[in-house]
Amino acid sequence: MAYGIKIEALAPPTRRAIFERLAAGPSAVGALAAGLPVSRPAVSQHLKALKDAGLVVETRRGTARIYSVDPKGVAELRDYFDRFWDVALDAYKRSLEGGDA
């Protein structure tokens, strides 16, 4: 799995804001751009990066493109962080027990 791509896709603050808005529900570019300090074309570029990373999917409703969070991509990212967390907790436990950290 390309976890790094997913993590990098969420690095820019504007992109995270877009992703967080999509977590609340599907949306078109215009609605996502409202209230953001970037243009609609910039929002489209951020959506492309999120889509390429497998975190967002696009569907068509008539002439509109509606974007939503891809549960599969989010699950893959969560699996990565869950494994990372498990390793960190195991290391912490070993350090408390007097073993190697």
N, C-alpha and C. Protein backbone atom coordinates (compact mmCIF):
# COMPACT_ATOMS: atom_id res chain seq x y z
N MET A 1 0.83 -1.18 0.00
CA MET A 1 0.00 0.00 0.00
C MET A 1 0.88 1.25 0.00
N ALA A 2 0.41 2.28 -0.66
CA ALA A 2 1.15 3.54 -0.76
C ALA A 2 0.67 4.51 0.31
N TYR A 3 1.01 4.21 1.56
CA TYR A 3 0.57 5.04 2.67
C TYR A 3 1.16 6.44 2.58
N GLY A 4 2.41 6.51 2.14
CA GLY A 4 3.09 7.80 2.04
C GLY A 4 2.34 8.76 1.14
N ILE A 5 1.79 8.25 0.06
CA ILE A 5 1.03 9.10 -0.86
C ILE A 5 -0.20 9.66 -0.17
N LYS A 6 -0.88 8.84 0.59
CA LYS A 6 -2.08 9.29 1.31
C LYS A 6 -1.71 10.34 2.36
N ILE A 7 -0.64 10.10 3.08
CA ILE A 7 -0.22 11.04 4.12
C ILE A 7 0.22 12.36 3.49
N GLU A 8 1.00 12.28 2.41
CA GLU A 8 1.45 13.49 1.72
C GLU A 8 0.27 14.27 1.15
N ALA A 9 -0.75 13.57 0.69
CA ALA A 9 -1.92 14.23 0.11
C ALA A 9 -2.63 15.08 1.15
N LEU A 10 -2.52 14.73 2.41
CA LEU A 10 -3.19 15.48 3.48
C LEU A 10 -2.29 16.53 4.12
N ALA A 11 -1.07 16.69 3.63
CA ALA A 11 -0.13 17.62 4.23
C ALA A 11 -0.54 19.09 4.11
N PRO A 12 -0.95 19.57 2.94
CA PRO A 12 -1.30 21.00 2.84
C PRO A 12 -2.56 21.33 3.65
N PRO A 13 -2.52 22.41 4.42
CA PRO A 13 -3.67 22.77 5.26
C PRO A 13 -4.97 22.96 4.47
N THR A 14 -4.89 23.58 3.30
CA THR A 14 -6.10 23.78 2.50
C THR A 14 -6.68 22.44 2.07
N ARG A 15 -5.82 21.51 1.72
CA ARG A 15 -6.29 20.19 1.29
C ARG A 15 -6.94 19.45 2.45
N ARG A 16 -6.36 19.58 3.65
CA ARG A 16 -6.98 18.97 4.82
C ARG A 16 -8.34 19.59 5.10
N ALA A 17 -8.46 20.90 4.91
CA ALA A 17 -9.74 21.57 5.12
C ALA A 17 -10.79 21.05 4.13
N ILE A 18 -10.39 20.85 2.90
CA ILE A 18 -11.30 20.30 1.89
C ILE A 18 -11.71 18.89 2.28
N PHE A 19 -10.74 18.08 2.68
CA PHE A 19 -11.02 16.70 3.08
C PHE A 19 -11.97 16.67 4.28
N GLU A 20 -11.75 17.55 5.24
CA GLU A 20 -12.61 17.60 6.42
C GLU A 20 -14.03 18.02 6.05
N ARG A 21 -14.16 18.91 5.09
CA ARG A 21 -15.50 19.29 4.62
C ARG A 21 -16.19 18.10 3.96
N LEU A 22 -15.43 17.33 3.21
CA LEU A 22 -16.01 16.15 2.55
C LEU A 22 -16.38 15.08 3.58
N ALA A 23 -15.68 15.05 4.70
CA ALA A 23 -16.02 14.08 5.74
C ALA A 23 -17.43 14.34 6.28
N ALA A 24 -17.89 15.58 6.18
CA ALA A 24 -19.23 15.93 6.63
C ALA A 24 -20.29 15.53 5.61
N GLY A 25 -19.86 15.28 4.37
CA GLY A 25 -20.81 14.85 3.35
C GLY A 25 -20.33 15.22 1.96
N PRO A 26 -20.85 14.53 0.95
CA PRO A 26 -20.47 14.80 -0.44
C PRO A 26 -20.74 16.25 -0.84
N SER A 27 -19.93 16.75 -1.76
CA SER A 27 -20.06 18.14 -2.16
C SER A 27 -19.48 18.37 -3.55
N ALA A 28 -19.98 19.43 -4.20
CA ALA A 28 -19.43 19.87 -5.48
C ALA A 28 -18.31 20.87 -5.21
N VAL A 29 -17.51 21.13 -6.24
CA VAL A 29 -16.35 22.03 -6.10
C VAL A 29 -16.77 23.41 -5.61
N GLY A 30 -17.82 23.96 -6.19
CA GLY A 30 -18.25 25.30 -5.80
C GLY A 30 -18.57 25.41 -4.33
N ALA A 31 -19.29 24.44 -3.80
CA ALA A 31 -19.63 24.45 -2.38
C ALA A 31 -18.38 24.29 -1.52
N LEU A 32 -17.46 23.47 -1.96
CA LEU A 32 -16.22 23.27 -1.20
C LEU A 32 -15.37 24.54 -1.20
N ALA A 33 -15.37 25.26 -2.32
CA ALA A 33 -14.55 26.47 -2.45
C ALA A 33 -15.09 27.62 -1.62
N ALA A 34 -16.40 27.62 -1.35
CA ALA A 34 -17.00 28.72 -0.58
C ALA A 34 -16.36 28.82 0.80
N GLY A 35 -15.84 29.99 1.09
CA GLY A 35 -15.24 30.22 2.40
C GLY A 35 -13.77 29.84 2.49
N LEU A 36 -13.23 29.24 1.44
CA LEU A 36 -11.80 28.92 1.46
C LEU A 36 -11.01 30.06 0.81
N PRO A 37 -9.77 30.25 1.21
CA PRO A 37 -8.97 31.36 0.67
C PRO A 37 -8.30 31.03 -0.67
N VAL A 38 -8.89 30.10 -1.42
CA VAL A 38 -8.33 29.71 -2.72
C VAL A 38 -9.45 29.70 -3.75
N SER A 39 -9.05 29.70 -5.02
CA SER A 39 -10.01 29.73 -6.12
C SER A 39 -10.62 28.35 -6.36
N ARG A 40 -11.70 28.32 -7.12
CA ARG A 40 -12.30 27.03 -7.50
C ARG A 40 -11.32 26.15 -8.25
N PRO A 41 -10.53 26.71 -9.21
CA PRO A 41 -9.54 25.86 -9.87
C PRO A 41 -8.52 25.27 -8.90
N ALA A 42 -8.15 26.03 -7.88
CA ALA A 42 -7.21 25.51 -6.87
C ALA A 42 -7.86 24.37 -6.09
N VAL A 43 -9.13 24.52 -5.74
CA VAL A 43 -9.85 23.45 -5.04
C VAL A 43 -9.89 22.21 -5.93
N SER A 44 -10.12 22.40 -7.22
CA SER A 44 -10.14 21.26 -8.15
C SER A 44 -8.79 20.54 -8.16
N GLN A 45 -7.70 21.30 -8.11
CA GLN A 45 -6.37 20.69 -8.08
C GLN A 45 -6.16 19.91 -6.78
N HIS A 46 -6.61 20.45 -5.68
CA HIS A 46 -6.51 19.73 -4.40
C HIS A 46 -7.35 18.45 -4.44
N LEU A 47 -8.52 18.53 -5.02
CA LEU A 47 -9.38 17.35 -5.14
C LEU A 47 -8.72 16.29 -6.01
N LYS A 48 -8.04 16.72 -7.07
CA LYS A 48 -7.33 15.76 -7.93
C LYS A 48 -6.26 15.04 -7.14
N ALA A 49 -5.51 15.77 -6.31
CA ALA A 49 -4.47 15.14 -5.50
C ALA A 49 -5.08 14.15 -4.51
N LEU A 50 -6.20 14.52 -3.88
CA LEU A 50 -6.87 13.61 -2.95
C LEU A 50 -7.42 12.39 -3.66
N LYS A 51 -7.93 12.60 -4.86
CA LYS A 51 -8.46 11.49 -5.67
C LYS A 51 -7.32 10.56 -6.10
N ASP A 52 -6.21 11.13 -6.56
CA ASP A 52 -5.05 10.33 -6.97
C ASP A 52 -4.48 9.52 -5.81
N ALA A 53 -4.62 10.04 -4.59
CA ALA A 53 -4.13 9.34 -3.40
C ALA A 53 -5.11 8.28 -2.92
N GLY A 54 -6.29 8.24 -3.52
CA GLY A 54 -7.28 7.23 -3.12
C GLY A 54 -8.09 7.62 -1.89
N LEU A 55 -8.12 8.91 -1.57
CA LEU A 55 -8.85 9.36 -0.39
C LEU A 55 -10.23 9.94 -0.74
N VAL A 56 -10.43 10.26 -2.00
CA VAL A 56 -11.67 10.89 -2.46
C VAL A 56 -12.12 10.21 -3.74
N VAL A 57 -13.42 10.09 -3.90
CA VAL A 57 -14.00 9.58 -5.14
C VAL A 57 -14.89 10.65 -5.76
N GLU A 58 -15.08 10.54 -7.04
CA GLU A 58 -15.88 11.51 -7.80
C GLU A 58 -17.01 10.77 -8.49
N THR A 59 -18.20 11.32 -8.40
CA THR A 59 -19.35 10.77 -9.13
C THR A 59 -20.01 11.91 -9.90
N ARG A 60 -20.72 11.54 -10.93
CA ARG A 60 -21.41 12.54 -11.74
C ARG A 60 -22.89 12.54 -11.40
N ARG A 61 -23.42 13.74 -11.25
CA ARG A 61 -24.86 13.94 -11.11
C ARG A 61 -25.24 14.97 -12.16
N GLY A 62 -25.73 14.49 -13.27
CA GLY A 62 -25.99 15.39 -14.40
C GLY A 62 -24.68 15.94 -14.90
N THR A 63 -24.56 17.26 -14.90
CA THR A 63 -23.31 17.89 -15.34
C THR A 63 -22.35 18.17 -14.18
N ALA A 64 -22.83 17.97 -12.97
CA ALA A 64 -22.00 18.26 -11.79
C ALA A 64 -21.15 17.06 -11.40
N ARG A 65 -19.99 17.35 -10.88
CA ARG A 65 -19.12 16.33 -10.28
C ARG A 65 -19.23 16.49 -8.77
N ILE A 66 -19.59 15.39 -8.13
CA ILE A 66 -19.75 15.40 -6.68
C ILE A 66 -18.61 14.57 -6.08
N TYR A 67 -17.97 15.15 -5.09
CA TYR A 67 -16.83 14.49 -4.45
C TYR A 67 -17.24 14.01 -3.06
N SER A 68 -16.67 12.87 -2.68
CA SER A 68 -16.92 12.33 -1.34
C SER A 68 -15.69 11.56 -0.88
N VAL A 69 -15.62 11.36 0.41
CA VAL A 69 -14.51 10.61 0.99
C VAL A 69 -14.63 9.15 0.56
N ASP A 70 -13.50 8.55 0.19
CA ASP A 70 -13.46 7.14 -0.19
C ASP A 70 -13.19 6.32 1.07
N PRO A 71 -14.20 5.61 1.57
CA PRO A 71 -14.02 4.84 2.81
C PRO A 71 -12.88 3.83 2.73
N LYS A 72 -12.67 3.26 1.57
CA LYS A 72 -11.59 2.28 1.41
C LYS A 72 -10.22 2.94 1.62
N GLY A 73 -10.04 4.10 1.03
CA GLY A 73 -8.76 4.81 1.19
C GLY A 73 -8.53 5.23 2.63
N VAL A 74 -9.57 5.69 3.28
CA VAL A 74 -9.46 6.10 4.68
C VAL A 74 -9.16 4.88 5.56
N ALA A 75 -9.78 3.75 5.25
CA ALA A 75 -9.52 2.53 6.01
C ALA A 75 -8.06 2.09 5.87
N GLU A 76 -7.51 2.22 4.68
CA GLU A 76 -6.10 1.88 4.48
C GLU A 76 -5.19 2.78 5.29
N LEU A 77 -5.52 4.06 5.33
CA LEU A 77 -4.72 5.01 6.11
C LEU A 77 -4.85 4.71 7.60
N ARG A 78 -6.05 4.39 8.03
CA ARG A 78 -6.25 4.06 9.44
C ARG A 78 -5.49 2.79 9.82
N ASP A 79 -5.49 1.78 8.94
CA ASP A 79 -4.72 0.56 9.20
C ASP A 79 -3.25 0.87 9.43
N TYR A 80 -2.72 1.78 8.61
CA TYR A 80 -1.32 2.18 8.75
C TYR A 80 -1.08 2.79 10.13
N PHE A 81 -1.92 3.74 10.51
CA PHE A 81 -1.73 4.40 11.80
C PHE A 81 -1.99 3.45 12.97
N ASP A 82 -2.92 2.53 12.81
CA ASP A 82 -3.15 1.54 13.86
C ASP A 82 -1.91 0.69 14.08
N ARG A 83 -1.25 0.26 12.99
CA ARG A 83 -0.02 -0.53 13.13
C ARG A 83 1.08 0.30 13.77
N PHE A 84 1.19 1.55 13.34
CA PHE A 84 2.19 2.45 13.91
C PHE A 84 1.95 2.61 15.41
N TRP A 85 0.72 2.81 15.79
CA TRP A 85 0.35 2.99 17.19
C TRP A 85 0.68 1.73 17.98
N ASP A 86 0.37 0.55 17.43
CA ASP A 86 0.67 -0.71 18.11
C ASP A 86 2.17 -0.85 18.37
N VAL A 87 2.98 -0.50 17.40
CA VAL A 87 4.44 -0.58 17.56
C VAL A 87 4.89 0.39 18.66
N ALA A 88 4.34 1.60 18.65
CA ALA A 88 4.72 2.59 19.65
C ALA A 88 4.32 2.14 21.06
N LEU A 89 3.13 1.57 21.18
CA LEU A 89 2.69 1.09 22.49
C LEU A 89 3.53 -0.08 22.97
N ASP A 90 3.90 -0.98 22.06
CA ASP A 90 4.76 -2.10 22.44
C ASP A 90 6.12 -1.60 22.93
N ALA A 91 6.68 -0.62 22.24
CA ALA A 91 7.97 -0.06 22.65
C ALA A 91 7.86 0.61 24.02
N TYR A 92 6.78 1.32 24.23
CA TYR A 92 6.56 1.97 25.52
C TYR A 92 6.43 0.93 26.63
N LYS A 93 5.69 -0.12 26.37
CA LYS A 93 5.52 -1.18 27.36
C LYS A 93 6.87 -1.81 27.72
N ARG A 94 7.68 -2.08 26.68
CA ARG A 94 9.01 -2.66 26.94
C ARG A 94 9.87 -1.73 27.78
N SER A 95 9.77 -0.41 27.51
CA SER A 95 10.58 0.53 28.27
C SER A 95 10.13 0.58 29.74
N LEU A 96 8.85 0.44 29.98
CA LEU A 96 8.36 0.42 31.36
C LEU A 96 8.76 -0.85 32.09
N GLU A 97 8.87 -1.92 31.35
CA GLU A 97 9.25 -3.22 31.93
C GLU A 97 10.75 -3.36 32.07
N GLY A 98 11.49 -2.32 31.65
CA GLY A 98 12.95 -2.36 31.79
C GLY A 98 13.65 -3.01 30.62
N GLY A 99 12.94 -3.28 29.56
CA GLY A 99 13.55 -3.86 28.36
C GLY A 99 14.07 -2.76 27.46
N ASP A 100 14.55 -3.17 26.30
CA ASP A 100 15.05 -2.20 25.31
C ASP A 100 13.89 -1.42 24.73
N ALA A 101 14.10 -0.14 24.53
CA ALA A 101 13.06 0.73 23.94
C ALA A 101 13.08 0.66 22.45
